[in-house]
C-alpha cells in the first residue's frame, strides 16, 4: 500500500464522489470537508448544509 498526499486526495475524492452512489457520496463529501474545509462555502447553497 502507498500513502496518498493531500493533493492526490483533493483530486481523487471528487472524482470518486461522481462515480459512487448518493449514499456513499455523503461519506466522500465528509472526507472532502476534512481535506478541504473551504468546500462547505462553495457547496453550502446547493447542498443546504447546516452551518
N, C-alpha and C. Protein backbone atom coordinates (compact mmCIF):
# COMPACT_ATOMS: atom_id res chain seq x y z
N UNK A 1 0.84 -1.20 0.00
CA UNK A 1 0.00 0.00 0.00
C UNK A 1 0.87 1.24 0.00
N UNK A 2 0.37 2.30 -0.61
CA UNK A 2 1.13 3.55 -0.65
C UNK A 2 0.30 4.64 0.02
N UNK A 3 0.99 5.61 0.60
CA UNK A 3 0.29 6.72 1.22
C UNK A 3 -0.10 7.75 0.16
N UNK A 4 -1.21 8.42 0.40
CA UNK A 4 -1.70 9.44 -0.54
C UNK A 4 -1.36 10.81 0.02
N UNK A 5 -0.86 11.65 -0.85
CA UNK A 5 -0.60 13.03 -0.42
C UNK A 5 -1.92 13.80 -0.37
N UNK A 6 -2.00 14.86 0.44
CA UNK A 6 -3.23 15.66 0.48
C UNK A 6 -3.66 16.15 -0.91
N UNK A 7 -2.69 16.46 -1.76
CA UNK A 7 -3.04 16.93 -3.10
C UNK A 7 -3.71 15.83 -3.90
N UNK A 8 -3.21 14.60 -3.79
CA UNK A 8 -3.83 13.48 -4.50
C UNK A 8 -5.24 13.23 -3.99
N UNK A 9 -5.42 13.29 -2.68
CA UNK A 9 -6.74 13.06 -2.09
C UNK A 9 -7.71 14.14 -2.58
N UNK A 10 -7.21 15.38 -2.64
CA UNK A 10 -8.05 16.50 -3.06
C UNK A 10 -8.61 16.25 -4.45
N UNK A 11 -7.84 15.58 -5.30
CA UNK A 11 -8.31 15.30 -6.66
C UNK A 11 -9.13 14.00 -6.70
N UNK A 12 -8.65 12.99 -5.99
CA UNK A 12 -9.28 11.66 -6.07
C UNK A 12 -10.67 11.65 -5.45
N UNK A 13 -10.86 12.37 -4.34
CA UNK A 13 -12.15 12.32 -3.66
C UNK A 13 -13.29 12.84 -4.53
N UNK A 14 -13.16 14.03 -5.16
CA UNK A 14 -14.25 14.50 -6.01
C UNK A 14 -14.50 13.56 -7.20
N UNK A 15 -13.45 12.98 -7.76
CA UNK A 15 -13.64 12.07 -8.88
C UNK A 15 -14.42 10.84 -8.44
N UNK A 16 -14.06 10.29 -7.29
CA UNK A 16 -14.76 9.11 -6.78
C UNK A 16 -16.20 9.46 -6.41
N UNK A 17 -16.42 10.64 -5.86
CA UNK A 17 -17.76 11.03 -5.45
C UNK A 17 -18.72 11.04 -6.64
N UNK A 18 -18.19 11.39 -7.81
CA UNK A 18 -19.03 11.41 -9.01
C UNK A 18 -19.43 10.00 -9.44
N UNK A 19 -18.65 9.01 -9.05
CA UNK A 19 -18.90 7.64 -9.50
C UNK A 19 -19.68 6.82 -8.48
N UNK A 20 -19.61 7.23 -7.23
CA UNK A 20 -20.24 6.44 -6.18
C UNK A 20 -21.74 6.73 -6.10
N UNK A 21 -22.44 5.86 -5.40
CA UNK A 21 -23.87 6.04 -5.18
C UNK A 21 -24.10 7.26 -4.28
N UNK A 22 -25.31 7.82 -4.30
CA UNK A 22 -25.60 9.01 -3.47
C UNK A 22 -25.25 8.79 -2.00
N UNK A 23 -25.56 7.59 -1.48
CA UNK A 23 -25.28 7.35 -0.06
C UNK A 23 -23.79 7.43 0.21
N UNK A 24 -22.99 6.81 -0.66
CA UNK A 24 -21.54 6.81 -0.45
C UNK A 24 -20.96 8.17 -0.80
N UNK A 25 -21.64 8.95 -1.63
CA UNK A 25 -21.19 10.32 -1.90
C UNK A 25 -21.15 11.13 -0.62
N UNK A 26 -22.10 10.88 0.28
CA UNK A 26 -22.11 11.62 1.54
C UNK A 26 -20.83 11.36 2.32
N UNK A 27 -20.38 10.09 2.33
CA UNK A 27 -19.13 9.78 3.00
C UNK A 27 -17.95 10.47 2.33
N UNK A 28 -17.99 10.50 0.99
CA UNK A 28 -16.92 11.17 0.24
C UNK A 28 -16.94 12.67 0.54
N UNK A 29 -18.14 13.24 0.67
CA UNK A 29 -18.25 14.67 0.97
C UNK A 29 -17.66 14.98 2.33
N UNK A 30 -17.95 14.10 3.30
CA UNK A 30 -17.39 14.30 4.64
C UNK A 30 -15.87 14.29 4.58
N UNK A 31 -15.32 13.36 3.79
CA UNK A 31 -13.87 13.29 3.65
C UNK A 31 -13.35 14.58 2.99
N UNK A 32 -14.09 15.07 1.99
CA UNK A 32 -13.69 16.32 1.34
C UNK A 32 -13.68 17.47 2.33
N UNK A 33 -14.68 17.52 3.21
CA UNK A 33 -14.75 18.61 4.18
C UNK A 33 -13.54 18.57 5.11
N UNK A 34 -13.08 17.35 5.43
CA UNK A 34 -11.91 17.22 6.30
C UNK A 34 -10.65 17.68 5.54
N UNK A 35 -10.58 17.28 4.27
CA UNK A 35 -9.39 17.61 3.48
C UNK A 35 -9.41 19.08 3.07
N UNK A 36 -10.60 19.59 2.73
CA UNK A 36 -10.71 20.94 2.17
C UNK A 36 -11.91 21.66 2.79
N UNK A 37 -11.74 22.23 3.99
CA UNK A 37 -12.88 22.85 4.68
C UNK A 37 -13.59 23.93 3.86
N UNK A 38 -12.87 24.62 2.98
CA UNK A 38 -13.49 25.69 2.21
C UNK A 38 -14.59 25.18 1.28
N UNK A 39 -14.63 23.87 1.03
CA UNK A 39 -15.63 23.33 0.12
C UNK A 39 -17.04 23.57 0.66
N UNK A 40 -17.18 23.66 1.98
CA UNK A 40 -18.51 23.89 2.54
C UNK A 40 -19.04 25.25 2.10
N UNK A 41 -18.14 26.22 1.92
CA UNK A 41 -18.59 27.54 1.47
C UNK A 41 -18.98 27.49 0.00
N UNK A 42 -18.29 26.64 -0.79
CA UNK A 42 -18.58 26.57 -2.22
C UNK A 42 -19.86 25.79 -2.50
N UNK A 43 -20.16 24.81 -1.65
CA UNK A 43 -21.29 23.92 -1.93
C UNK A 43 -22.48 24.13 -1.00
N UNK A 44 -22.33 25.02 -0.02
CA UNK A 44 -23.35 25.15 1.01
C UNK A 44 -24.74 25.40 0.43
N UNK A 45 -24.83 26.32 -0.52
CA UNK A 45 -26.14 26.66 -1.08
C UNK A 45 -26.76 25.46 -1.78
N UNK A 46 -25.97 24.76 -2.60
CA UNK A 46 -26.52 23.66 -3.37
C UNK A 46 -26.91 22.48 -2.47
N UNK A 47 -26.07 22.19 -1.46
CA UNK A 47 -26.32 21.03 -0.61
C UNK A 47 -27.15 21.38 0.62
N UNK A 48 -27.28 22.68 0.89
CA UNK A 48 -28.05 23.14 2.05
C UNK A 48 -27.54 22.51 3.33
N UNK A 49 -26.22 22.57 3.51
CA UNK A 49 -25.64 22.00 4.72
C UNK A 49 -25.90 22.93 5.90
N UNK A 50 -26.14 22.38 7.08
CA UNK A 50 -26.27 23.22 8.27
C UNK A 50 -24.94 23.87 8.60
N UNK A 51 -24.99 25.11 9.08
CA UNK A 51 -23.76 25.84 9.39
C UNK A 51 -23.79 26.29 10.85
